[in-house]
Amino acid sequence: MKIAVVAINKNGREIAKTIKRGFGQEEVSCFNPSPGELKDLTAKIFDKDKFDGIIFIMALGIVARLIAPHLKSKYDDPAVVVVDDFARYAISALSGHEGGANNLAIQTANILDAE
């Protein structure tokens, strides 16, 4: 599985490193865009041919606004998981069953010892 991890602050970058180590054999790419680059980065990576799953480390509201313009269908969209800035929760936000976000959220939660 090819996974993108997107973090926007120092704490998020540390969480991203933990996630990358935890997935081990999976292909994990970490991105640390500035706030002005976040929208463009999302447009570039929101393609199931590029990444099977995207883990955003930020507020769910931010992610909802970022991904909304790119939604196609539950069969075409990548799995999207949102992790809060304190690594307490891993939330399956998009393509849960069909796209694998439910499983990706469980794996992420296990790595972070989160819910």
PDB file of N, CA and C in Angstrom:
ATOM      1  N   MET A   1       0.844  -1.184   0.000  1.00  0.00           N
ATOM      2  CA  MET A   1       0.000   0.000   0.000  1.00  0.00           C
ATOM      3  C   MET A   1       0.884   1.240   0.000  1.00  0.00           C
ATOM      4  N   LYS A   2       0.568   2.188  -0.862  1.00  0.00           N
ATOM      5  CA  LYS A   2       1.276   3.470  -0.905  1.00  0.00           C
ATOM      6  C   LYS A   2       0.494   4.482  -0.075  1.00  0.00           C
ATOM      7  N   ILE A   3       1.176   5.043   0.929  1.00  0.00           N
ATOM      8  CA  ILE A   3       0.515   5.932   1.870  1.00  0.00           C
ATOM      9  C   ILE A   3       1.212   7.287   1.889  1.00  0.00           C
ATOM     10  N   ALA A   4       0.416   8.353   1.878  1.00  0.00           N
ATOM     11  CA  ALA A   4       0.930   9.710   2.062  1.00  0.00           C
ATOM     12  C   ALA A   4       0.534  10.158   3.467  1.00  0.00           C
ATOM     13  N   VAL A   5       1.472  10.789   4.161  1.00  0.00           N
ATOM     14  CA  VAL A   5       1.191  11.348   5.482  1.00  0.00           C
ATOM     15  C   VAL A   5       1.455  12.844   5.390  1.00  0.00           C
ATOM     16  N   VAL A   6       0.463  13.639   5.754  1.00  0.00           N
ATOM     17  CA  VAL A   6       0.559  15.091   5.633  1.00  0.00           C
ATOM     18  C   VAL A   6       0.439  15.720   7.023  1.00  0.00           C
ATOM     19  N   ALA A   7       1.465  16.454   7.414  1.00  0.00           N
ATOM     20  CA  ALA A   7       1.474  17.143   8.710  1.00  0.00           C
ATOM     21  C   ALA A   7       1.790  18.610   8.487  1.00  0.00           C
ATOM     22  N   ILE A   8       1.196  19.472   9.311  1.00  0.00           N
ATOM     23  CA  ILE A   8       1.378  20.909   9.083  1.00  0.00           C
ATOM     24  C   ILE A   8       2.057  21.642  10.231  1.00  0.00           C
ATOM     25  N   ASN A   9       2.448  20.925  11.280  1.00  0.00           N
ATOM     26  CA  ASN A   9       3.164  21.593  12.370  1.00  0.00           C
ATOM     27  C   ASN A   9       4.195  20.650  12.979  1.00  0.00           C
ATOM     28  N   LYS A  10       4.966  21.152  13.912  1.00  0.00           N
ATOM     29  CA  LYS A  10       6.065  20.386  14.500  1.00  0.00           C
ATOM     30  C   LYS A  10       5.578  19.095  15.154  1.00  0.00           C
ATOM     31  N   ASN A  11       4.539  19.181  15.953  1.00  0.00           N
ATOM     32  CA  ASN A  11       4.021  17.989  16.613  1.00  0.00           C
ATOM     33  C   ASN A  11       3.525  16.974  15.578  1.00  0.00           C
ATOM     34  N   GLY A  12       2.856  17.453  14.564  1.00  0.00           N
ATOM     35  CA  GLY A  12       2.379  16.581  13.493  1.00  0.00           C
ATOM     36  C   GLY A  12       3.513  15.890  12.767  1.00  0.00           C
ATOM     37  N   ARG A  13       4.613  16.595  12.563  1.00  0.00           N
ATOM     38  CA  ARG A  13       5.774  15.977  11.895  1.00  0.00           C
ATOM     39  C   ARG A  13       6.353  14.845  12.731  1.00  0.00           C
ATOM     40  N   GLU A  14       6.354  14.997  14.045  1.00  0.00           N
ATOM     41  CA  GLU A  14       6.832  13.923  14.928  1.00  0.00           C
ATOM     42  C   GLU A  14       5.901  12.717  14.858  1.00  0.00           C
ATOM     43  N   ILE A  15       4.608  12.978  14.831  1.00  0.00           N
ATOM     44  CA  ILE A  15       3.625  11.900  14.694  1.00  0.00           C
ATOM     45  C   ILE A  15       3.812  11.196  13.348  1.00  0.00           C
ATOM     46  N   ALA A  16       4.054  11.970  12.298  1.00  0.00           N
ATOM     47  CA  ALA A  16       4.276  11.396  10.960  1.00  0.00           C
ATOM     48  C   ALA A  16       5.477  10.460  10.953  1.00  0.00           C
ATOM     49  N   LYS A  17       6.548  10.835  11.639  1.00  0.00           N
ATOM     50  CA  LYS A  17       7.733   9.971  11.723  1.00  0.00           C
ATOM     51  C   LYS A  17       7.393   8.651  12.400  1.00  0.00           C
ATOM     52  N   THR A  18       6.601   8.724  13.457  1.00  0.00           N
ATOM     53  CA  THR A  18       6.193   7.503  14.160  1.00  0.00           C
ATOM     54  C   THR A  18       5.352   6.618  13.249  1.00  0.00           C
ATOM     55  N   ILE A  19       4.440   7.225  12.510  1.00  0.00           N
ATOM     56  CA  ILE A  19       3.602   6.471  11.578  1.00  0.00           C
ATOM     57  C   ILE A  19       4.470   5.801  10.518  1.00  0.00           C
ATOM     58  N   LYS A  20       5.412   6.554   9.954  1.00  0.00           N
ATOM     59  CA  LYS A  20       6.272   5.995   8.907  1.00  0.00           C
ATOM     60  C   LYS A  20       7.053   4.790   9.431  1.00  0.00           C
ATOM     61  N   ARG A  21       7.636   4.918  10.621  1.00  0.00           N
ATOM     62  CA  ARG A  21       8.367   3.788  11.219  1.00  0.00           C
ATOM     63  C   ARG A  21       7.440   2.608  11.469  1.00  0.00           C
ATOM     64  N   GLY A  22       6.231   2.898  11.917  1.00  0.00           N
ATOM     65  CA  GLY A  22       5.284   1.844  12.266  1.00  0.00           C
ATOM     66  C   GLY A  22       4.811   1.027  11.087  1.00  0.00           C
ATOM     67  N   PHE A  23       4.723   1.635   9.928  1.00  0.00           N
ATOM     68  CA  PHE A  23       4.270   0.897   8.751  1.00  0.00           C
ATOM     69  C   PHE A  23       5.376   0.060   8.126  1.00  0.00           C
ATOM     70  N   GLY A  24       6.612   0.305   8.502  1.00  0.00           N
ATOM     71  CA  GLY A  24       7.724  -0.544   8.093  1.00  0.00           C
ATOM     72  C   GLY A  24       7.854  -0.785   6.600  1.00  0.00           C
ATOM     73  N   GLN A  25       7.321  -1.896   6.126  1.00  0.00           N
ATOM     74  CA  GLN A  25       7.498  -2.326   4.750  1.00  0.00           C
ATOM     75  C   GLN A  25       6.630  -1.570   3.743  1.00  0.00           C
ATOM     76  N   GLU A  26       5.617  -0.898   4.219  1.00  0.00           N
ATOM     77  CA  GLU A  26       4.752  -0.146   3.312  1.00  0.00           C
ATOM     78  C   GLU A  26       5.499   1.063   2.756  1.00  0.00           C
ATOM     79  N   GLU A  27       5.093   1.514   1.586  1.00  0.00           N
ATOM     80  CA  GLU A  27       5.688   2.708   0.990  1.00  0.00           C
ATOM     81  C   GLU A  27       4.979   3.942   1.557  1.00  0.00           C
ATOM     82  N   VAL A  28       5.681   4.658   2.436  1.00  0.00           N
ATOM     83  CA  VAL A  28       5.097   5.818   3.108  1.00  0.00           C
ATOM     84  C   VAL A  28       5.889   7.065   2.739  1.00  0.00           C
ATOM     85  N   SER A  29       5.187   8.082   2.232  1.00  0.00           N
ATOM     86  CA  SER A  29       5.798   9.368   1.897  1.00  0.00           C
ATOM     87  C   SER A  29       5.232  10.422   2.834  1.00  0.00           C
ATOM     88  N   CYS A  30       6.112  11.186   3.470  1.00  0.00           N
ATOM     89  CA  CYS A  30       5.676  12.240   4.379  1.00  0.00           C
ATOM     90  C   CYS A  30       5.807  13.601   3.711  1.00  0.00           C
ATOM     91  N   PHE A  31       4.801  14.436   3.921  1.00  0.00           N
ATOM     92  CA  PHE A  31       4.773  15.781   3.355  1.00  0.00           C
ATOM     93  C   PHE A  31       4.552  16.790   4.479  1.00  0.00           C
ATOM     94  N   ASN A  32       5.287  17.890   4.428  1.00  0.00           N
ATOM     95  CA  ASN A  32       5.187  18.950   5.422  1.00  0.00           C
ATOM     96  C   ASN A  32       4.987  20.299   4.734  1.00  0.00           C
ATOM     97  N   PRO A  33       3.826  20.507   4.129  1.00  0.00           N
ATOM     98  CA  PRO A  33       3.611  21.754   3.380  1.00  0.00           C
ATOM     99  C   PRO A  33       3.390  22.937   4.305  1.00  0.00           C
ATOM    100  N   SER A  34       3.681  24.107   3.794  1.00  0.00           N
ATOM    101  CA  SER A  34       3.314  25.323   4.511  1.00  0.00           C
ATOM    102  C   SER A  34       1.801  25.493   4.334  1.00  0.00           C
ATOM    103  N   PRO A  35       1.164  26.287   5.181  1.00  0.00           N
ATOM    104  CA  PRO A  35      -0.289  26.477   5.034  1.00  0.00           C
ATOM    105  C   PRO A  35      -0.701  26.905   3.623  1.00  0.00           C
ATOM    106  N   GLY A  36       0.100  27.714   2.973  1.00  0.00           N
ATOM    107  CA  GLY A  36      -0.219  28.163   1.624  1.00  0.00           C
ATOM    108  C   GLY A  36      -0.082  27.083   0.564  1.00  0.00           C
ATOM    109  N   GLU A  37       0.652  26.036   0.856  1.00  0.00           N
ATOM    110  CA  GLU A  37       0.872  24.934  -0.094  1.00  0.00           C
ATOM    111  C   GLU A  37      -0.069  23.756   0.118  1.00  0.00           C
ATOM    112  N   LEU A  38      -0.805  23.752   1.212  1.00  0.00           N
ATOM    113  CA  LEU A  38      -1.617  22.596   1.598  1.00  0.00           C
ATOM    114  C   LEU A  38      -2.688  22.244   0.572  1.00  0.00           C
ATOM    115  N   LYS A  39      -3.371  23.245   0.068  1.00  0.00           N
ATOM    116  CA  LYS A  39      -4.435  23.015  -0.909  1.00  0.00           C
ATOM    117  C   LYS A  39      -3.875  22.414  -2.201  1.00  0.00           C
ATOM    118  N   ASP A  40      -2.763  22.964  -2.692  1.00  0.00           N
ATOM    119  CA  ASP A  40      -2.150  22.447  -3.919  1.00  0.00           C
ATOM    120  C   ASP A  40      -1.601  21.039  -3.726  1.00  0.00           C
ATOM    121  N   LEU A  41      -0.998  20.785  -2.562  1.00  0.00           N
ATOM    122  CA  LEU A  41      -0.482  19.445  -2.283  1.00  0.00           C
ATOM    123  C   LEU A  41      -1.615  18.429  -2.280  1.00  0.00           C
ATOM    124  N   THR A  42      -2.722  18.774  -1.647  1.00  0.00           N
ATOM    125  CA  THR A  42      -3.864  17.858  -1.606  1.00  0.00           C
ATOM    126  C   THR A  42      -4.340  17.529  -3.011  1.00  0.00           C
ATOM    127  N   ALA A  43      -4.410  18.513  -3.873  1.00  0.00           N
ATOM    128  CA  ALA A  43      -4.823  18.272  -5.258  1.00  0.00           C
ATOM    129  C   ALA A  43      -3.866  17.310  -5.959  1.00  0.00           C
ATOM    130  N   LYS A  44      -2.575  17.430  -5.666  1.00  0.00           N
ATOM    131  CA  LYS A  44      -1.579  16.569  -6.316  1.00  0.00           C
ATOM    132  C   LYS A  44      -1.629  15.129  -5.823  1.00  0.00           C
ATOM    133  N   ILE A  45      -1.844  14.931  -4.519  1.00  0.00           N
ATOM    134  CA  ILE A  45      -1.777  13.575  -3.972  1.00  0.00           C
ATOM    135  C   ILE A  45      -3.121  12.864  -3.930  1.00  0.00           C
ATOM    136  N   PHE A  46      -4.221  13.588  -4.131  1.00  0.00           N
ATOM    137  CA  PHE A  46      -5.554  12.986  -4.026  1.00  0.00           C
ATOM    138  C   PHE A  46      -5.901  12.261  -5.323  1.00  0.00           C
ATOM    139  N   ASP A  47      -5.234  11.189  -5.539  1.00  0.00           N
ATOM    140  CA  ASP A  47      -5.420  10.369  -6.732  1.00  0.00           C
ATOM    141  C   ASP A  47      -5.062   8.952  -6.337  1.00  0.00           C
ATOM    142  N   LYS A  48      -6.010   8.036  -6.467  1.00  0.00           N
ATOM    143  CA  LYS A  48      -5.781   6.657  -6.029  1.00  0.00           C
ATOM    144  C   LYS A  48      -4.649   5.994  -6.805  1.00  0.00           C
ATOM    145  N   ASP A  49      -4.317   6.518  -8.000  1.00  0.00           N
ATOM    146  CA  ASP A  49      -3.194   5.961  -8.751  1.00  0.00           C
ATOM    147  C   ASP A  49      -1.862   6.353  -8.112  1.00  0.00           C
ATOM    148  N   LYS A  50      -1.844   7.452  -7.355  1.00  0.00           N
ATOM    149  CA  LYS A  50      -0.613   7.901  -6.699  1.00  0.00           C
ATOM    150  C   LYS A  50      -0.485   7.321  -5.296  1.00  0.00           C
ATOM    151  N   PHE A  51      -1.568   7.398  -4.517  1.00  0.00           N
ATOM    152  CA  PHE A  51      -1.566   6.903  -3.140  1.00  0.00           C
ATOM    153  C   PHE A  51      -2.856   6.145  -2.865  1.00  0.00           C
ATOM    154  N   ASP A  52      -2.725   4.990  -2.230  1.00  0.00           N
ATOM    155  CA  ASP A  52      -3.900   4.204  -1.842  1.00  0.00           C
ATOM    156  C   ASP A  52      -4.572   4.826  -0.619  1.00  0.00           C
ATOM    157  N   GLY A  53      -3.765   5.473   0.214  1.00  0.00           N
ATOM    158  CA  GLY A  53      -4.290   6.080   1.420  1.00  0.00           C
ATOM    159  C   GLY A  53      -3.554   7.358   1.765  1.00  0.00           C
ATOM    160  N   ILE A  54      -4.275   8.278   2.391  1.00  0.00           N
ATOM    161  CA  ILE A  54      -3.680   9.534   2.844  1.00  0.00           C
ATOM    162  C   ILE A  54      -4.031   9.699   4.319  1.00  0.00           C
ATOM    163  N   ILE A  55      -3.015   9.961   5.130  1.00  0.00           N
ATOM    164  CA  ILE A  55      -3.214  10.221   6.552  1.00  0.00           C
ATOM    165  C   ILE A  55      -2.902  11.694   6.782  1.00  0.00           C
ATOM    166  N   PHE A  56      -3.900  12.446   7.188  1.00  0.00           N
ATOM    167  CA  PHE A  56      -3.726  13.856   7.492  1.00  0.00           C
ATOM    168  C   PHE A  56      -3.613  14.007   9.005  1.00  0.00           C
ATOM    169  N   ILE A  57      -2.601  14.737   9.469  1.00  0.00           N
ATOM    170  CA  ILE A  57      -2.450  14.994  10.896  1.00  0.00           C
ATOM    171  C   ILE A  57      -2.815  16.452  11.131  1.00  0.00           C
ATOM    172  N   MET A  58      -4.093  16.662  11.384  1.00  0.00           N
ATOM    173  CA  MET A  58      -4.652  18.011  11.565  1.00  0.00           C
ATOM    174  C   MET A  58      -6.128  17.861  11.886  1.00  0.00           C
ATOM    175  N   ALA A  59      -6.828  18.950  12.048  1.00  0.00           N
ATOM    176  CA  ALA A  59      -8.249  18.927  12.366  1.00  0.00           C
ATOM    177  C   ALA A  59      -9.072  18.351  11.212  1.00  0.00           C
ATOM    178  N   LEU A  60     -10.090  17.596  11.569  1.00  0.00           N
ATOM    179  CA  LEU A  60     -10.973  16.990  10.572  1.00  0.00           C
ATOM    180  C   LEU A  60     -11.651  18.040   9.698  1.00  0.00           C
ATOM    181  N   GLY A  61     -12.004  19.186  10.257  1.00  0.00           N
ATOM    182  CA  GLY A  61     -12.636  20.245   9.471  1.00  0.00           C
ATOM    183  C   GLY A  61     -11.749  20.747   8.348  1.00  0.00           C
ATOM    184  N   ILE A  62     -10.454  20.870   8.624  1.00  0.00           N
ATOM    185  CA  ILE A  62      -9.507  21.286   7.582  1.00  0.00           C
ATOM    186  C   ILE A  62      -9.498  20.256   6.463  1.00  0.00           C
ATOM    187  N   VAL A  63      -9.434  18.991   6.845  1.00  0.00           N
ATOM    188  CA  VAL A  63      -9.364  17.908   5.854  1.00  0.00           C
ATOM    189  C   VAL A  63     -10.632  17.867   5.009  1.00  0.00           C
ATOM    190  N   ALA A  64     -11.782  18.041   5.639  1.00  0.00           N
ATOM    191  CA  ALA A  64     -13.049  18.024   4.892  1.00  0.00           C
ATOM    192  C   ALA A  64     -13.044  19.077   3.793  1.00  0.00           C
ATOM    193  N   ARG A  65     -12.562  20.264   4.116  1.00  0.00           N
ATOM    194  CA  ARG A  65     -12.528  21.342   3.127  1.00  0.00           C
ATOM    195  C   ARG A  65     -11.481  21.087   2.041  1.00  0.00           C
ATOM    196  N   LEU A  66     -10.366  20.462   2.428  1.00  0.00           N
ATOM    197  CA  LEU A  66      -9.300  20.190   1.462  1.00  0.00           C
ATOM    198  C   LEU A  66      -9.698  19.146   0.426  1.00  0.00           C
ATOM    199  N   ILE A  67     -10.364  18.082   0.883  1.00  0.00           N
ATOM    200  CA  ILE A  67     -10.657  16.973  -0.028  1.00  0.00           C
ATOM    201  C   ILE A  67     -11.960  17.138  -0.794  1.00  0.00           C
ATOM    202  N   ALA A  68     -12.883  17.973  -0.297  1.00  0.00           N
ATOM    203  CA  ALA A  68     -14.209  18.098  -0.915  1.00  0.00           C
ATOM    204  C   ALA A  68     -14.181  18.316  -2.432  1.00  0.00           C
ATOM    205  N   PRO A  69     -13.331  19.207  -2.953  1.00  0.00           N
ATOM    206  CA  PRO A  69     -13.363  19.436  -4.405  1.00  0.00           C
ATOM    207  C   PRO A  69     -12.874  18.244  -5.242  1.00  0.00           C
ATOM    208  N   HIS A  70     -12.266  17.247  -4.598  1.00  0.00           N
ATOM    209  CA  HIS A  70     -11.634  16.156  -5.336  1.00  0.00           C
ATOM    210  C   HIS A  70     -12.411  14.843  -5.270  1.00  0.00           C
ATOM    211  N   LEU A  71     -13.518  14.826  -4.563  1.00  0.00           N
ATOM    212  CA  LEU A  71     -14.271  13.590  -4.365  1.00  0.00           C
ATOM    213  C   LEU A  71     -14.911  13.113  -5.670  1.00  0.00           C
ATOM    214  N   LYS A  72     -14.748  11.801  -5.933  1.00  0.00           N
ATOM    215  CA  LYS A  72     -15.340  11.189  -7.125  1.00  0.00           C
ATOM    216  C   LYS A  72     -16.350  10.127  -6.718  1.00  0.00           C
ATOM    217  N   SER A  73     -15.862   9.030  -6.141  1.00  0.00           N
ATOM    218  CA  SER A  73     -16.749   7.957  -5.682  1.00  0.00           C
ATOM    219  C   SER A  73     -15.998   7.085  -4.688  1.00  0.00           C
ATOM    220  N   LYS A  74     -16.742   6.266  -3.963  1.00  0.00           N
ATOM    221  CA  LYS A  74     -16.107   5.401  -2.976  1.00  0.00           C
ATOM    222  C   LYS A  74     -15.209   4.345  -3.631  1.00  0.00           C
ATOM    223  N   TYR A  75     -15.356   4.166  -4.917  1.00  0.00           N
ATOM    224  CA  TYR A  75     -14.513   3.209  -5.631  1.00  0.00           C
ATOM    225  C   TYR A  75     -13.252   3.855  -6.205  1.00  0.00           C
ATOM    226  N   ASP A  76     -13.277   5.174  -6.374  1.00  0.00           N
ATOM    227  CA  ASP A  76     -12.165   5.877  -7.005  1.00  0.00           C
ATOM    228  C   ASP A  76     -11.304   6.690  -6.046  1.00  0.00           C
ATOM    229  N   ASP A  77     -11.862   7.076  -4.911  1.00  0.00           N
ATOM    230  CA  ASP A  77     -11.136   7.932  -3.971  1.00  0.00           C
ATOM    231  C   ASP A  77     -10.193   7.115  -3.093  1.00  0.00           C
ATOM    232  N   PRO A  78      -9.069   7.701  -2.720  1.00  0.00           N
ATOM    233  CA  PRO A  78      -8.162   7.011  -1.811  1.00  0.00           C
ATOM    234  C   PRO A  78      -8.759   6.955  -0.406  1.00  0.00           C
ATOM    235  N   ALA A  79      -8.257   6.047   0.406  1.00  0.00           N
ATOM    236  CA  ALA A  79      -8.633   5.997   1.816  1.00  0.00           C
ATOM    237  C   ALA A  79      -8.089   7.255   2.485  1.00  0.00           C
ATOM    238  N   VAL A  80      -8.897   7.892   3.307  1.00  0.00           N
ATOM    239  CA  VAL A  80      -8.450   9.077   4.036  1.00  0.00           C
ATOM    240  C   VAL A  80      -8.667   8.857   5.526  1.00  0.00           C
ATOM    241  N   VAL A  81      -7.577   9.051   6.277  1.00  0.00           N
ATOM    242  CA  VAL A  81      -7.613   8.934   7.737  1.00  0.00           C
ATOM    243  C   VAL A  81      -7.130  10.256   8.304  1.00  0.00           C
ATOM    244  N   VAL A  82      -7.770  10.687   9.383  1.00  0.00           N
ATOM    245  CA  VAL A  82      -7.378  11.927  10.058  1.00  0.00           C
ATOM    246  C   VAL A  82      -6.915  11.578  11.463  1.00  0.00           C
ATOM    247  N   VAL A  83      -5.743  12.095  11.835  1.00  0.00           N
ATOM    248  CA  VAL A  83      -5.191  11.925  13.181  1.00  0.00           C
ATOM    249  C   VAL A  83      -5.133  13.309  13.815  1.00  0.00           C
ATOM    250  N   ASP A  84      -5.589  13.396  15.062  1.00  0.00           N
ATOM    251  CA  ASP A  84      -5.532  14.688  15.744  1.00  0.00           C
ATOM    252  C   ASP A  84      -4.089  15.016  16.118  1.00  0.00           C
ATOM    253  N   ASP A  85      -3.854  16.251  16.474  1.00  0.00           N
ATOM    254  CA  ASP A  85      -2.501  16.755  16.733  1.00  0.00           C
ATOM    255  C   ASP A  85      -1.851  16.177  17.992  1.00  0.00           C
ATOM    256  N   PHE A  86      -2.618  15.432  18.780  1.00  0.00           N
ATOM    257  CA  PHE A  86      -2.068  14.802  19.980  1.00  0.00           C
ATOM    258  C   PHE A  86      -2.001  13.285  19.842  1.00  0.00           C
ATOM    259  N   ALA A  87      -2.318  12.784  18.652  1.00  0.00           N
ATOM    260  CA  ALA A  87      -2.272  11.346  18.342  1.00  0.00           C
ATOM    261  C   ALA A  87      -3.169  10.535  19.267  1.00  0.00           C
ATOM    262  N   ARG A  88      -4.310  11.097  19.624  1.00  0.00           N
ATOM    263  CA  ARG A  88      -5.253  10.366  20.471  1.00  0.00           C
ATOM    264  C   ARG A  88      -6.264   9.580  19.650  1.00  0.00           C
ATOM    265  N   TYR A  89      -6.562  10.071  18.447  1.00  0.00           N
ATOM    266  CA  TYR A  89      -7.597   9.447  17.630  1.00  0.00           C
ATOM    267  C   TYR A  89      -7.133   9.292  16.181  1.00  0.00           C
ATOM    268  N   ALA A  90      -7.516   8.178  15.575  1.00  0.00           N
ATOM    269  CA  ALA A  90      -7.325   7.958  14.139  1.00  0.00           C
ATOM    270  C   ALA A  90      -8.717   7.722  13.567  1.00  0.00           C
ATOM    271  N   ILE A  91      -9.171   8.637  12.722  1.00  0.00           N
ATOM    272  CA  ILE A  91     -10.551   8.632  12.244  1.00  0.00           C
ATOM    273  C   ILE A  91     -10.599   8.266  10.763  1.00  0.00           C
ATOM    274  N   SER A  92     -11.386   7.265  10.441  1.00  0.00           N
ATOM    275  CA  SER A  92     -11.645   6.911   9.047  1.00  0.00           C
ATOM    276  C   SER A  92     -12.589   7.963   8.484  1.00  0.00           C
ATOM    277  N   ALA A  93     -12.083   8.825   7.592  1.00  0.00           N
ATOM    278  CA  ALA A  93     -12.864   9.963   7.115  1.00  0.00           C
ATOM    279  C   ALA A  93     -13.469   9.777   5.729  1.00  0.00           C
ATOM    280  N   LEU A  94     -12.856   8.931   4.892  1.00  0.00           N
ATOM    281  CA  LEU A  94     -13.352   8.764   3.516  1.00  0.00           C
ATOM    282  C   LEU A  94     -12.935   7.403   2.983  1.00  0.00           C
ATOM    283  N   SER A  95     -13.823   6.795   2.221  1.00  0.00           N
ATOM    284  CA  SER A  95     -13.568   5.481   1.609  1.00  0.00           C
ATOM    285  C   SER A  95     -13.257   4.431   2.673  1.00  0.00           C
ATOM    286  N   GLY A  96     -14.069   4.447   3.712  1.00  0.00           N
ATOM    287  CA  GLY A  96     -13.859   3.554   4.850  1.00  0.00           C
ATOM    288  C   GLY A  96     -13.864   2.091   4.488  1.00  0.00           C
ATOM    289  N   HIS A  97     -14.974   1.623   3.958  1.00  0.00           N
ATOM    290  CA  HIS A  97     -15.088   0.198   3.668  1.00  0.00           C
ATOM    291  C   HIS A  97     -14.463  -0.149   2.316  1.00  0.00           C
ATOM    292  N   GLU A  98     -14.926   0.488   1.272  1.00  0.00           N
ATOM    293  CA  GLU A  98     -14.462   0.173  -0.086  1.00  0.00           C
ATOM    294  C   GLU A  98     -12.995   0.543  -0.320  1.00  0.00           C
ATOM    295  N   GLY A  99     -12.580   1.689   0.203  1.00  0.00           N
ATOM    296  CA  GLY A  99     -11.221   2.163  -0.051  1.00  0.00           C
ATOM    297  C   GLY A  99     -10.188   1.728   0.966  1.00  0.00           C
ATOM    298  N   GLY A 100     -10.634   1.134   2.069  1.00  0.00           N
ATOM    299  CA  GLY A 100      -9.699   0.627   3.059  1.00  0.00           C
ATOM    300  C   GLY A 100      -9.351   1.580   4.185  1.00  0.00           C
ATOM    301  N   ALA A 101     -10.067   2.706   4.308  1.00  0.00           N
ATOM    302  CA  ALA A 101      -9.741   3.664   5.360  1.00  0.00           C
ATOM    303  C   ALA A 101     -10.014   3.107   6.749  1.00  0.00           C
ATOM    304  N   ASN A 102     -11.024   2.240   6.888  1.00  0.00           N
ATOM    305  CA  ASN A 102     -11.285   1.655   8.206  1.00  0.00           C
ATOM    306  C   ASN A 102     -10.072   0.856   8.682  1.00  0.00           C
ATOM    307  N   ASN A 103      -9.534   0.028   7.814  1.00  0.00           N
ATOM    308  CA  ASN A 103      -8.344  -0.763   8.174  1.00  0.00           C
ATOM    309  C   ASN A 103      -7.125   0.130   8.373  1.00  0.00           C
ATOM    310  N   LEU A 104      -6.983   1.149   7.531  1.00  0.00           N
ATOM    311  CA  LEU A 104      -5.855   2.069   7.669  1.00  0.00           C
ATOM    312  C   LEU A 104      -5.945   2.821   8.996  1.00  0.00           C
ATOM    313  N   ALA A 105      -7.143   3.192   9.414  1.00  0.00           N
ATOM    314  CA  ALA A 105      -7.326   3.874  10.699  1.00  0.00           C
ATOM    315  C   ALA A 105      -6.959   2.949  11.858  1.00  0.00           C
ATOM    316  N   ILE A 106      -7.346   1.687  11.767  1.00  0.00           N
ATOM    317  CA  ILE A 106      -7.000   0.715  12.817  1.00  0.00           C
ATOM    318  C   ILE A 106      -5.491   0.524  12.892  1.00  0.00           C
ATOM    319  N   GLN A 107      -4.848   0.360  11.745  1.00  0.00           N
ATOM    320  CA  GLN A 107      -3.393   0.202  11.723  1.00  0.00           C
ATOM    321  C   GLN A 107      -2.711   1.435  12.311  1.00  0.00           C
ATOM    322  N   THR A 108      -3.179   2.608  11.911  1.00  0.00           N
ATOM    323  CA  THR A 108      -2.589   3.866  12.399  1.00  0.00           C
ATOM    324  C   THR A 108      -2.790   3.993  13.907  1.00  0.00           C
ATOM    325  N   ALA A 109      -3.993   3.697  14.376  1.00  0.00           N
ATOM    326  CA  ALA A 109      -4.274   3.763  15.812  1.00  0.00           C
ATOM    327  C   ALA A 109      -3.377   2.803  16.587  1.00  0.00           C
ATOM    328  N   ASN A 110      -3.166   1.617  16.052  1.00  0.00           N
ATOM    329  CA  ASN A 110      -2.296   0.655  16.724  1.00  0.00           C
ATOM    330  C   ASN A 110      -0.859   1.162  16.804  1.00  0.00           C
ATOM    331  N   ILE A 111      -0.380   1.769  15.751  1.00  0.00           N
ATOM    332  CA  ILE A 111       0.978   2.323  15.733  1.00  0.00           C
ATOM    333  C   ILE A 111       1.116   3.431  16.771  1.00  0.00           C
ATOM    334  N   LEU A 112       0.108   4.278  16.875  1.00  0.00           N
ATOM    335  CA  LEU A 112       0.161   5.441  17.762  1.00  0.00           C
ATOM    336  C   LEU A 112      -0.388   5.166  19.165  1.00  0.00           C
ATOM    337  N   ASP A 113      -0.897   3.961  19.394  1.00  0.00           N
ATOM    338  CA  ASP A 113      -1.586   3.632  20.642  1.00  0.00           C
ATOM    339  C   ASP A 113      -2.721   4.621  20.868  1.00  0.00           C
ATOM    340  N   ALA A 114      -3.505   4.829  19.809  1.00  0.00           N
ATOM    341  CA  ALA A 114      -4.621   5.775  19.812  1.00  0.00           C
ATOM    342  C   ALA A 114      -5.934   5.022  19.689  1.00  0.00           C
ATOM    343  N   GLU A 115      -7.024   5.753  19.786  1.00  0.00           N
ATOM    344  CA  GLU A 115      -8.346   5.167  19.569  1.00  0.00           C
ATOM    345  C   GLU A 115      -8.760   5.349  18.125  1.00  0.00           C
TER     346      GLU A 115
END
